């Protein structure tokens, strides 16, 4: 997909994966990457405010995007449907795959089927996508079996997303490290 910003042609990767730990700067990096494309921006939010702390975090994210040309769509569960509705002239930041997977597992839907469907829709989407996800496998092994099961499912999802991605970036301390592909600008 080629876009013209001034006299510079920009090619946004079809699928970009931005991965990092909690508070690593991955969301800010993904938003900046989308902004740099010069395209219309859509932010697809997957988190739900299940408690006061999360409600505050969501409000902070919304305020950061206000007045910066973002269209926001909430998709805690039906992410594939929302992605199928993205306009070819937009670049979408999906923040984040971790919450979507948690919501999917909580709904009782078979998570492997859901991941396969998501990756398939992402690969067919005519608009560039920037998927944000957490890296959960570098910390302490969780003591609880359900937490370990989620960490393992999440790792499997991240591998499938990375395989489908044209660009994969690991962000730590706000600094991007290219794992796969090249930055287009």
N, C-alpha and C. Protein backbone atom coordinates (compact mmCIF):
# COMPACT_ATOMS: atom_id res chain seq x y z
N UNK A 1 0.84 -1.16 0.00
CA UNK A 1 0.00 0.00 0.00
C UNK A 1 0.90 1.23 0.00
N UNK A 2 0.82 2.09 -1.02
CA UNK A 2 1.66 3.27 -1.14
C UNK A 2 0.81 4.49 -0.85
N UNK A 3 1.38 5.40 -0.06
CA UNK A 3 0.70 6.63 0.29
C UNK A 3 1.64 7.80 0.05
N UNK A 4 1.08 8.93 -0.30
CA UNK A 4 1.88 10.10 -0.60
C UNK A 4 1.67 11.14 0.49
N UNK A 5 2.74 11.52 1.17
CA UNK A 5 2.70 12.60 2.17
C UNK A 5 3.69 13.64 1.69
N UNK A 6 3.17 14.73 1.14
CA UNK A 6 4.05 15.72 0.52
C UNK A 6 4.65 15.11 -0.73
N UNK A 7 5.97 15.15 -0.84
CA UNK A 7 6.61 14.58 -2.01
C UNK A 7 7.23 13.20 -1.71
N UNK A 8 6.90 12.64 -0.55
CA UNK A 8 7.48 11.37 -0.14
C UNK A 8 6.43 10.27 -0.23
N UNK A 9 6.73 9.20 -0.94
CA UNK A 9 5.83 8.05 -0.98
C UNK A 9 6.14 7.13 0.19
N UNK A 10 5.13 6.72 0.89
CA UNK A 10 5.28 5.86 2.04
C UNK A 10 4.58 4.54 1.79
N UNK A 11 5.22 3.45 2.16
CA UNK A 11 4.60 2.15 2.03
C UNK A 11 4.44 1.58 3.44
N UNK A 12 3.20 1.49 3.89
CA UNK A 12 2.92 0.91 5.20
C UNK A 12 2.85 -0.61 5.06
N UNK A 13 3.52 -1.34 5.94
CA UNK A 13 3.42 -2.80 5.90
C UNK A 13 1.96 -3.23 6.09
N UNK A 14 1.57 -4.34 5.49
CA UNK A 14 0.21 -4.83 5.65
C UNK A 14 -0.10 -5.13 7.10
N UNK A 15 0.81 -5.84 7.75
CA UNK A 15 0.64 -6.19 9.17
C UNK A 15 1.94 -5.88 9.90
N UNK A 16 1.82 -5.04 10.91
CA UNK A 16 2.95 -4.74 11.79
C UNK A 16 2.59 -5.23 13.18
N UNK A 17 3.53 -5.87 13.85
CA UNK A 17 3.35 -6.35 15.21
C UNK A 17 4.29 -5.57 16.12
N UNK A 18 3.71 -4.98 17.17
CA UNK A 18 4.50 -4.23 18.14
C UNK A 18 4.34 -4.95 19.47
N UNK A 19 5.45 -5.47 19.98
CA UNK A 19 5.42 -6.30 21.18
C UNK A 19 6.33 -5.70 22.24
N UNK A 20 5.93 -5.83 23.49
CA UNK A 20 6.76 -5.34 24.58
C UNK A 20 6.11 -5.67 25.91
N UNK A 21 6.82 -5.40 26.97
CA UNK A 21 6.30 -5.63 28.31
C UNK A 21 5.35 -4.51 28.73
N UNK A 22 4.81 -4.65 29.93
CA UNK A 22 3.93 -3.63 30.48
C UNK A 22 4.69 -2.32 30.62
N UNK A 23 4.06 -1.22 30.24
CA UNK A 23 4.63 0.12 30.34
C UNK A 23 5.96 0.25 29.61
N UNK A 24 6.12 -0.49 28.51
CA UNK A 24 7.37 -0.47 27.74
C UNK A 24 7.42 0.66 26.72
N UNK A 25 6.27 1.29 26.43
CA UNK A 25 6.19 2.31 25.40
C UNK A 25 5.67 1.78 24.08
N UNK A 26 5.20 0.53 24.08
CA UNK A 26 4.76 -0.09 22.82
C UNK A 26 3.55 0.61 22.21
N UNK A 27 2.57 1.00 23.03
CA UNK A 27 1.39 1.69 22.49
C UNK A 27 1.76 3.04 21.91
N UNK A 28 2.58 3.81 22.63
CA UNK A 28 3.01 5.11 22.12
C UNK A 28 3.77 4.93 20.80
N UNK A 29 4.63 3.92 20.74
CA UNK A 29 5.39 3.69 19.52
C UNK A 29 4.45 3.34 18.37
N UNK A 30 3.48 2.46 18.63
CA UNK A 30 2.53 2.06 17.58
C UNK A 30 1.72 3.25 17.09
N UNK A 31 1.28 4.10 18.01
CA UNK A 31 0.52 5.28 17.61
C UNK A 31 1.38 6.24 16.79
N UNK A 32 2.63 6.43 17.21
CA UNK A 32 3.53 7.28 16.44
C UNK A 32 3.82 6.72 15.05
N UNK A 33 3.96 5.41 14.97
CA UNK A 33 4.17 4.73 13.69
C UNK A 33 2.98 4.99 12.76
N UNK A 34 1.77 4.82 13.29
CA UNK A 34 0.57 5.06 12.49
C UNK A 34 0.49 6.53 12.06
N UNK A 35 0.79 7.42 12.97
CA UNK A 35 0.76 8.85 12.65
C UNK A 35 1.76 9.17 11.53
N UNK A 36 2.92 8.53 11.55
CA UNK A 36 3.95 8.76 10.54
C UNK A 36 3.55 8.30 9.15
N UNK A 37 2.52 7.48 9.05
CA UNK A 37 2.08 7.00 7.74
C UNK A 37 1.40 8.08 6.93
N UNK A 38 0.88 9.11 7.60
CA UNK A 38 0.14 10.15 6.90
C UNK A 38 -1.28 9.74 6.54
N UNK A 39 -1.69 8.55 6.94
CA UNK A 39 -3.02 8.04 6.62
C UNK A 39 -4.03 8.44 7.70
N UNK A 40 -5.31 8.29 7.41
CA UNK A 40 -6.34 8.43 8.42
C UNK A 40 -6.14 7.31 9.44
N UNK A 41 -6.32 7.62 10.72
CA UNK A 41 -5.98 6.67 11.77
C UNK A 41 -7.24 6.19 12.50
N UNK A 42 -7.29 4.88 12.74
CA UNK A 42 -8.36 4.30 13.55
C UNK A 42 -7.70 3.50 14.67
N UNK A 43 -8.21 3.72 15.87
CA UNK A 43 -7.69 3.03 17.06
C UNK A 43 -8.74 2.01 17.47
N UNK A 44 -8.36 0.74 17.49
CA UNK A 44 -9.28 -0.33 17.87
C UNK A 44 -8.91 -0.79 19.27
N UNK A 45 -9.79 -0.48 20.21
CA UNK A 45 -9.54 -0.76 21.62
C UNK A 45 -10.19 -2.09 22.00
N UNK A 46 -9.42 -2.96 22.66
CA UNK A 46 -9.93 -4.27 23.05
C UNK A 46 -10.16 -4.41 24.55
N UNK A 47 -9.67 -3.44 25.33
CA UNK A 47 -9.81 -3.53 26.79
C UNK A 47 -11.19 -3.09 27.25
N UNK A 48 -11.62 -3.66 28.34
CA UNK A 48 -12.85 -3.23 29.00
C UNK A 48 -12.49 -2.79 30.42
N UNK A 49 -13.23 -1.81 30.91
CA UNK A 49 -12.97 -1.28 32.26
C UNK A 49 -13.64 -2.17 33.30
N UNK A 50 -12.92 -3.21 33.71
CA UNK A 50 -13.46 -4.13 34.71
C UNK A 50 -13.28 -3.65 36.14
N UNK A 51 -12.43 -2.63 36.32
CA UNK A 51 -12.22 -2.07 37.66
C UNK A 51 -11.81 -0.61 37.51
N UNK A 52 -11.69 0.10 38.64
CA UNK A 52 -11.39 1.53 38.60
C UNK A 52 -10.02 1.83 37.98
N UNK A 53 -9.02 1.02 38.30
CA UNK A 53 -7.69 1.24 37.75
C UNK A 53 -7.71 1.14 36.22
N UNK A 54 -8.42 0.14 35.70
CA UNK A 54 -8.49 -0.02 34.25
C UNK A 54 -9.28 1.12 33.62
N UNK A 55 -10.33 1.58 34.27
CA UNK A 55 -11.11 2.70 33.76
C UNK A 55 -10.23 3.95 33.62
N UNK A 56 -9.37 4.18 34.60
CA UNK A 56 -8.45 5.32 34.54
C UNK A 56 -7.46 5.15 33.39
N UNK A 57 -6.91 3.94 33.24
CA UNK A 57 -5.95 3.68 32.17
C UNK A 57 -6.59 3.93 30.80
N UNK A 58 -7.82 3.46 30.61
CA UNK A 58 -8.52 3.67 29.34
C UNK A 58 -8.75 5.16 29.10
N UNK A 59 -9.15 5.88 30.13
CA UNK A 59 -9.40 7.33 30.01
C UNK A 59 -8.12 8.08 29.63
N UNK A 60 -6.99 7.69 30.21
CA UNK A 60 -5.71 8.32 29.87
C UNK A 60 -5.37 8.07 28.40
N UNK A 61 -5.54 6.83 27.93
CA UNK A 61 -5.28 6.51 26.52
C UNK A 61 -6.18 7.34 25.60
N UNK A 62 -7.45 7.47 25.95
CA UNK A 62 -8.38 8.25 25.12
C UNK A 62 -7.96 9.71 25.05
N UNK A 63 -7.61 10.30 26.21
CA UNK A 63 -7.20 11.71 26.24
C UNK A 63 -5.97 11.95 25.38
N UNK A 64 -5.03 11.01 25.38
CA UNK A 64 -3.82 11.17 24.57
C UNK A 64 -4.14 11.27 23.08
N UNK A 65 -5.19 10.61 22.65
CA UNK A 65 -5.53 10.61 21.22
C UNK A 65 -6.47 11.75 20.84
N UNK A 66 -7.11 12.38 21.81
CA UNK A 66 -8.08 13.44 21.50
C UNK A 66 -7.44 14.58 20.71
N UNK A 67 -8.15 15.01 19.68
CA UNK A 67 -7.67 16.12 18.88
C UNK A 67 -6.51 15.78 17.96
N UNK A 68 -6.19 14.51 17.84
CA UNK A 68 -5.06 14.10 16.99
C UNK A 68 -5.52 13.32 15.77
N UNK A 69 -6.84 13.36 15.48
CA UNK A 69 -7.34 12.75 14.25
C UNK A 69 -7.61 11.26 14.31
N UNK A 70 -7.79 10.73 15.51
CA UNK A 70 -8.07 9.29 15.65
C UNK A 70 -9.57 9.04 15.66
N UNK A 71 -9.96 8.00 14.98
CA UNK A 71 -11.32 7.44 15.11
C UNK A 71 -11.16 6.21 15.99
N UNK A 72 -11.99 6.09 17.03
CA UNK A 72 -11.87 4.97 17.97
C UNK A 72 -13.04 4.02 17.82
N UNK A 73 -12.72 2.73 17.80
CA UNK A 73 -13.73 1.66 17.75
C UNK A 73 -13.41 0.69 18.88
N UNK A 74 -14.42 0.32 19.65
CA UNK A 74 -14.21 -0.66 20.72
C UNK A 74 -14.56 -2.05 20.21
N UNK A 75 -13.65 -2.99 20.44
CA UNK A 75 -13.83 -4.36 19.96
C UNK A 75 -13.24 -5.35 20.96
N UNK A 76 -13.87 -5.49 22.13
CA UNK A 76 -13.32 -6.41 23.12
C UNK A 76 -13.38 -7.88 22.70
N UNK A 77 -14.33 -8.23 21.83
CA UNK A 77 -14.47 -9.63 21.40
C UNK A 77 -14.51 -9.81 19.89
N UNK A 78 -15.25 -8.99 19.19
CA UNK A 78 -15.49 -9.22 17.77
C UNK A 78 -14.48 -8.49 16.90
N UNK A 79 -13.22 -8.66 17.21
CA UNK A 79 -12.14 -8.00 16.48
C UNK A 79 -12.13 -8.36 14.99
N UNK A 80 -12.28 -9.63 14.61
CA UNK A 80 -12.28 -9.94 13.17
C UNK A 80 -13.35 -9.16 12.38
N UNK A 81 -14.55 -9.03 12.94
CA UNK A 81 -15.61 -8.27 12.26
C UNK A 81 -15.21 -6.81 12.10
N UNK A 82 -14.69 -6.21 13.17
CA UNK A 82 -14.28 -4.80 13.11
C UNK A 82 -13.18 -4.61 12.07
N UNK A 83 -12.21 -5.51 12.03
CA UNK A 83 -11.13 -5.37 11.05
C UNK A 83 -11.65 -5.47 9.62
N UNK A 84 -12.69 -6.26 9.41
CA UNK A 84 -13.24 -6.39 8.07
C UNK A 84 -13.95 -5.11 7.61
N UNK A 85 -14.17 -4.17 8.54
CA UNK A 85 -14.86 -2.92 8.21
C UNK A 85 -13.91 -1.73 8.05
N UNK A 86 -12.60 -1.95 8.23
CA UNK A 86 -11.64 -0.86 8.12
C UNK A 86 -11.50 -0.42 6.67
N UNK A 87 -11.49 0.89 6.46
CA UNK A 87 -11.38 1.45 5.12
C UNK A 87 -9.94 1.33 4.61
N UNK A 88 -9.79 1.11 3.34
CA UNK A 88 -8.47 0.94 2.72
C UNK A 88 -7.59 2.18 2.90
N UNK A 89 -8.18 3.34 3.11
CA UNK A 89 -7.42 4.57 3.28
C UNK A 89 -7.02 4.83 4.73
N UNK A 90 -7.34 3.90 5.63
CA UNK A 90 -7.00 4.06 7.04
C UNK A 90 -5.86 3.13 7.42
N UNK A 91 -5.19 3.48 8.51
CA UNK A 91 -4.25 2.59 9.16
C UNK A 91 -4.83 2.34 10.56
N UNK A 92 -4.89 1.09 10.96
CA UNK A 92 -5.52 0.74 12.23
C UNK A 92 -4.49 0.27 13.24
N UNK A 93 -4.57 0.81 14.45
CA UNK A 93 -3.79 0.34 15.58
C UNK A 93 -4.74 -0.46 16.45
N UNK A 94 -4.43 -1.72 16.68
CA UNK A 94 -5.23 -2.59 17.54
C UNK A 94 -4.49 -2.71 18.86
N UNK A 95 -5.10 -2.22 19.92
CA UNK A 95 -4.44 -2.19 21.23
C UNK A 95 -5.40 -2.78 22.26
N UNK A 96 -5.23 -4.02 22.65
CA UNK A 96 -4.13 -4.87 22.26
C UNK A 96 -4.61 -6.32 22.16
N UNK A 97 -3.77 -7.16 21.57
CA UNK A 97 -4.09 -8.58 21.40
C UNK A 97 -4.21 -9.31 22.73
N UNK A 98 -3.48 -8.85 23.74
CA UNK A 98 -3.52 -9.51 25.05
C UNK A 98 -4.91 -9.43 25.66
N UNK A 99 -5.50 -8.23 25.67
CA UNK A 99 -6.85 -8.09 26.22
C UNK A 99 -7.86 -8.85 25.37
N UNK A 100 -7.68 -8.81 24.05
CA UNK A 100 -8.62 -9.54 23.18
C UNK A 100 -8.58 -11.03 23.50
N UNK A 101 -7.39 -11.60 23.68
CA UNK A 101 -7.27 -13.02 23.99
C UNK A 101 -7.90 -13.32 25.36
N UNK A 102 -7.65 -12.47 26.33
CA UNK A 102 -8.26 -12.68 27.66
C UNK A 102 -9.78 -12.64 27.57
N UNK A 103 -10.32 -11.69 26.82
CA UNK A 103 -11.77 -11.60 26.64
C UNK A 103 -12.31 -12.83 25.92
N UNK A 104 -11.59 -13.29 24.91
CA UNK A 104 -12.01 -14.46 24.13
C UNK A 104 -12.04 -15.70 25.01
N UNK A 105 -10.99 -15.90 25.80
CA UNK A 105 -10.94 -17.07 26.70
C UNK A 105 -12.06 -16.99 27.74
N UNK A 106 -12.30 -15.79 28.27
CA UNK A 106 -13.35 -15.63 29.29
C UNK A 106 -14.74 -15.91 28.71
N UNK A 107 -14.90 -15.66 27.40
CA UNK A 107 -16.20 -15.89 26.76
C UNK A 107 -16.49 -17.38 26.54
N UNK A 108 -15.45 -18.20 26.68
CA UNK A 108 -15.62 -19.63 26.46
C UNK A 108 -15.41 -20.08 25.03
N UNK A 109 -15.13 -19.15 24.14
CA UNK A 109 -14.90 -19.50 22.74
C UNK A 109 -13.56 -20.23 22.62
N UNK A 110 -13.47 -21.25 21.81
CA UNK A 110 -12.19 -21.93 21.60
C UNK A 110 -11.13 -20.93 21.10
N UNK A 111 -10.11 -20.70 21.91
CA UNK A 111 -9.17 -19.62 21.61
C UNK A 111 -8.30 -19.90 20.39
N UNK A 112 -7.97 -21.13 20.14
CA UNK A 112 -7.16 -21.42 18.94
C UNK A 112 -7.94 -21.11 17.67
N UNK A 113 -9.23 -21.45 17.67
CA UNK A 113 -10.08 -21.12 16.52
C UNK A 113 -10.17 -19.61 16.35
N UNK A 114 -10.32 -18.90 17.46
CA UNK A 114 -10.44 -17.44 17.41
C UNK A 114 -9.15 -16.81 16.88
N UNK A 115 -8.01 -17.31 17.30
CA UNK A 115 -6.73 -16.78 16.82
C UNK A 115 -6.59 -17.04 15.32
N UNK A 116 -6.93 -18.24 14.88
CA UNK A 116 -6.85 -18.56 13.44
C UNK A 116 -7.74 -17.64 12.63
N UNK A 117 -8.96 -17.40 13.12
CA UNK A 117 -9.88 -16.49 12.42
C UNK A 117 -9.29 -15.09 12.38
N UNK A 118 -8.77 -14.61 13.50
CA UNK A 118 -8.20 -13.26 13.55
C UNK A 118 -7.05 -13.12 12.56
N UNK A 119 -6.11 -14.04 12.57
CA UNK A 119 -4.96 -13.96 11.66
C UNK A 119 -5.44 -13.99 10.20
N UNK A 120 -6.40 -14.84 9.89
CA UNK A 120 -6.93 -14.90 8.53
C UNK A 120 -7.55 -13.59 8.09
N UNK A 121 -8.33 -12.97 8.96
CA UNK A 121 -8.94 -11.67 8.63
C UNK A 121 -7.86 -10.60 8.49
N UNK A 122 -6.86 -10.63 9.37
CA UNK A 122 -5.78 -9.65 9.27
C UNK A 122 -5.07 -9.77 7.92
N UNK A 123 -4.83 -10.99 7.47
CA UNK A 123 -4.14 -11.20 6.20
C UNK A 123 -4.97 -10.76 5.00
N UNK A 124 -6.28 -10.71 5.14
CA UNK A 124 -7.16 -10.29 4.05
C UNK A 124 -7.51 -8.81 4.10
N UNK A 125 -7.21 -8.14 5.20
CA UNK A 125 -7.58 -6.73 5.37
C UNK A 125 -6.83 -5.86 4.36
N UNK A 126 -7.55 -5.01 3.62
CA UNK A 126 -6.87 -4.16 2.63
C UNK A 126 -6.14 -2.98 3.25
N UNK A 127 -6.44 -2.66 4.51
CA UNK A 127 -5.80 -1.54 5.19
C UNK A 127 -4.60 -2.03 6.01
N UNK A 128 -3.59 -1.20 6.19
CA UNK A 128 -2.47 -1.59 7.05
C UNK A 128 -2.92 -1.70 8.51
N UNK A 129 -2.41 -2.71 9.20
CA UNK A 129 -2.77 -2.96 10.59
C UNK A 129 -1.51 -2.93 11.45
N UNK A 130 -1.64 -2.36 12.64
CA UNK A 130 -0.56 -2.33 13.61
C UNK A 130 -1.09 -2.98 14.88
N UNK A 131 -0.70 -4.21 15.13
CA UNK A 131 -1.18 -4.97 16.29
C UNK A 131 -0.22 -4.81 17.45
N UNK A 132 -0.74 -4.36 18.58
CA UNK A 132 0.05 -4.23 19.80
C UNK A 132 -0.22 -5.46 20.66
N UNK A 133 0.83 -6.02 21.25
CA UNK A 133 0.67 -7.17 22.13
C UNK A 133 1.74 -7.13 23.21
N UNK A 134 1.49 -7.83 24.28
CA UNK A 134 2.44 -7.90 25.38
C UNK A 134 3.36 -9.10 25.23
N UNK A 135 4.53 -8.98 25.82
CA UNK A 135 5.44 -10.12 25.95
C UNK A 135 5.27 -10.61 27.39
N UNK A 136 4.70 -11.79 27.54
CA UNK A 136 4.42 -12.33 28.87
C UNK A 136 5.38 -13.43 29.28
N UNK A 137 6.16 -13.93 28.39
CA UNK A 137 6.98 -15.10 28.66
C UNK A 137 8.35 -14.82 29.27
N UNK A 138 8.70 -13.57 29.51
CA UNK A 138 10.03 -13.27 30.02
C UNK A 138 10.05 -13.05 31.52
N UNK A 139 8.90 -13.16 32.16
CA UNK A 139 8.84 -12.94 33.59
C UNK A 139 8.87 -14.24 34.37
N UNK A 140 8.50 -14.14 35.61
CA UNK A 140 8.44 -15.28 36.51
C UNK A 140 7.34 -16.24 36.05
N UNK A 141 7.58 -17.53 36.16
CA UNK A 141 6.56 -18.52 35.82
C UNK A 141 5.43 -18.39 36.84
N UNK A 142 4.20 -18.16 36.37
CA UNK A 142 3.09 -17.99 37.31
C UNK A 142 2.85 -19.25 38.15
N UNK A 143 2.42 -19.06 39.38
CA UNK A 143 2.18 -20.18 40.29
C UNK A 143 0.85 -20.88 39.99
N UNK A 144 -0.12 -20.13 39.47
CA UNK A 144 -1.45 -20.67 39.24
C UNK A 144 -1.55 -21.33 37.87
N UNK A 145 -2.19 -22.50 37.81
CA UNK A 145 -2.32 -23.21 36.52
C UNK A 145 -3.03 -22.38 35.44
N UNK A 146 -4.09 -21.63 35.81
CA UNK A 146 -4.80 -20.84 34.81
C UNK A 146 -3.92 -19.72 34.26
N UNK A 147 -3.11 -19.12 35.12
CA UNK A 147 -2.19 -18.07 34.66
C UNK A 147 -1.13 -18.66 33.71
N UNK A 148 -0.63 -19.84 34.03
CA UNK A 148 0.33 -20.49 33.13
C UNK A 148 -0.33 -20.84 31.80
N UNK A 149 -1.57 -21.31 31.85
CA UNK A 149 -2.29 -21.66 30.62
C UNK A 149 -2.49 -20.41 29.75
N UNK A 150 -2.83 -19.28 30.38
CA UNK A 150 -3.00 -18.05 29.61
C UNK A 150 -1.67 -17.60 29.01
N UNK A 151 -0.60 -17.66 29.80
CA UNK A 151 0.71 -17.27 29.29
C UNK A 151 1.09 -18.12 28.09
N UNK A 152 0.83 -19.42 28.16
CA UNK A 152 1.16 -20.31 27.04
C UNK A 152 0.31 -20.03 25.81
N UNK A 153 -1.00 -19.82 26.02
CA UNK A 153 -1.89 -19.48 24.90
C UNK A 153 -1.46 -18.16 24.27
N UNK A 154 -1.09 -17.22 25.10
CA UNK A 154 -0.66 -15.90 24.63
C UNK A 154 0.63 -16.02 23.81
N UNK A 155 1.56 -16.84 24.28
CA UNK A 155 2.80 -17.05 23.52
C UNK A 155 2.51 -17.67 22.17
N UNK A 156 1.58 -18.62 22.14
CA UNK A 156 1.20 -19.24 20.87
C UNK A 156 0.59 -18.20 19.93
N UNK A 157 -0.29 -17.34 20.49
CA UNK A 157 -0.89 -16.29 19.67
C UNK A 157 0.18 -15.35 19.12
N UNK A 158 1.10 -14.92 19.98
CA UNK A 158 2.15 -14.00 19.52
C UNK A 158 2.98 -14.61 18.40
N UNK A 159 3.26 -15.90 18.48
CA UNK A 159 4.02 -16.55 17.41
C UNK A 159 3.26 -16.52 16.10
N UNK A 160 1.95 -16.75 16.15
CA UNK A 160 1.14 -16.73 14.92
C UNK A 160 1.04 -15.31 14.36
N UNK A 161 0.91 -14.32 15.24
CA UNK A 161 0.87 -12.94 14.78
C UNK A 161 2.21 -12.54 14.15
N UNK A 162 3.31 -12.93 14.79
CA UNK A 162 4.63 -12.60 14.26
C UNK A 162 4.87 -13.27 12.91
N UNK A 163 4.42 -14.49 12.77
CA UNK A 163 4.57 -15.20 11.49
C UNK A 163 3.83 -14.47 10.37
N UNK A 164 2.64 -13.95 10.68
CA UNK A 164 1.83 -13.27 9.67
C UNK A 164 2.32 -11.84 9.39
N UNK A 165 3.07 -11.27 10.31
CA UNK A 165 3.49 -9.87 10.20
C UNK A 165 4.58 -9.67 9.17
N UNK A 166 4.52 -8.52 8.51
CA UNK A 166 5.59 -8.08 7.61
C UNK A 166 6.68 -7.37 8.40
N UNK A 167 6.27 -6.75 9.52
CA UNK A 167 7.18 -6.00 10.38
C UNK A 167 6.88 -6.40 11.82
N UNK A 168 7.90 -6.74 12.58
CA UNK A 168 7.75 -7.03 14.01
C UNK A 168 8.77 -6.19 14.76
N UNK A 169 8.27 -5.45 15.76
CA UNK A 169 9.10 -4.53 16.53
C UNK A 169 8.94 -4.85 18.00
N UNK A 170 10.05 -5.01 18.70
CA UNK A 170 10.04 -5.20 20.15
C UNK A 170 10.40 -3.86 20.77
N UNK A 171 9.54 -3.37 21.67
CA UNK A 171 9.78 -2.08 22.32
C UNK A 171 10.07 -2.33 23.79
N UNK A 172 11.19 -1.78 24.23
CA UNK A 172 11.55 -1.83 25.64
C UNK A 172 12.12 -0.47 26.01
N UNK A 173 11.68 0.06 27.16
CA UNK A 173 12.11 1.39 27.62
C UNK A 173 11.87 2.45 26.55
N UNK A 174 10.81 2.25 25.75
CA UNK A 174 10.47 3.20 24.70
C UNK A 174 11.31 3.09 23.45
N UNK A 175 12.24 2.15 23.43
CA UNK A 175 13.14 2.01 22.29
C UNK A 175 12.75 0.82 21.43
N UNK A 176 12.59 1.04 20.12
CA UNK A 176 12.20 -0.05 19.22
C UNK A 176 13.40 -0.87 18.76
N UNK A 177 13.21 -2.17 18.71
CA UNK A 177 14.19 -3.09 18.13
C UNK A 177 13.46 -3.85 17.03
N UNK A 178 13.96 -3.79 15.83
CA UNK A 178 13.32 -4.46 14.70
C UNK A 178 13.66 -5.95 14.77
N UNK A 179 12.63 -6.77 14.85
CA UNK A 179 12.80 -8.22 14.88
C UNK A 179 12.62 -8.84 13.50
N UNK A 180 11.80 -8.19 12.68
CA UNK A 180 11.46 -8.74 11.35
C UNK A 180 11.08 -7.58 10.45
N UNK A 181 11.56 -7.59 9.23
CA UNK A 181 11.19 -6.55 8.25
C UNK A 181 12.00 -5.29 8.42
N UNK A 182 11.53 -4.21 7.76
CA UNK A 182 12.19 -2.91 7.79
C UNK A 182 11.17 -1.83 8.01
N UNK A 183 11.58 -0.77 8.70
CA UNK A 183 10.72 0.40 8.85
C UNK A 183 10.54 1.07 7.49
N UNK A 184 9.32 1.44 7.15
CA UNK A 184 9.07 2.01 5.82
C UNK A 184 9.44 3.48 5.68
N UNK A 185 9.66 4.16 6.77
CA UNK A 185 10.00 5.58 6.71
C UNK A 185 10.84 5.97 7.88
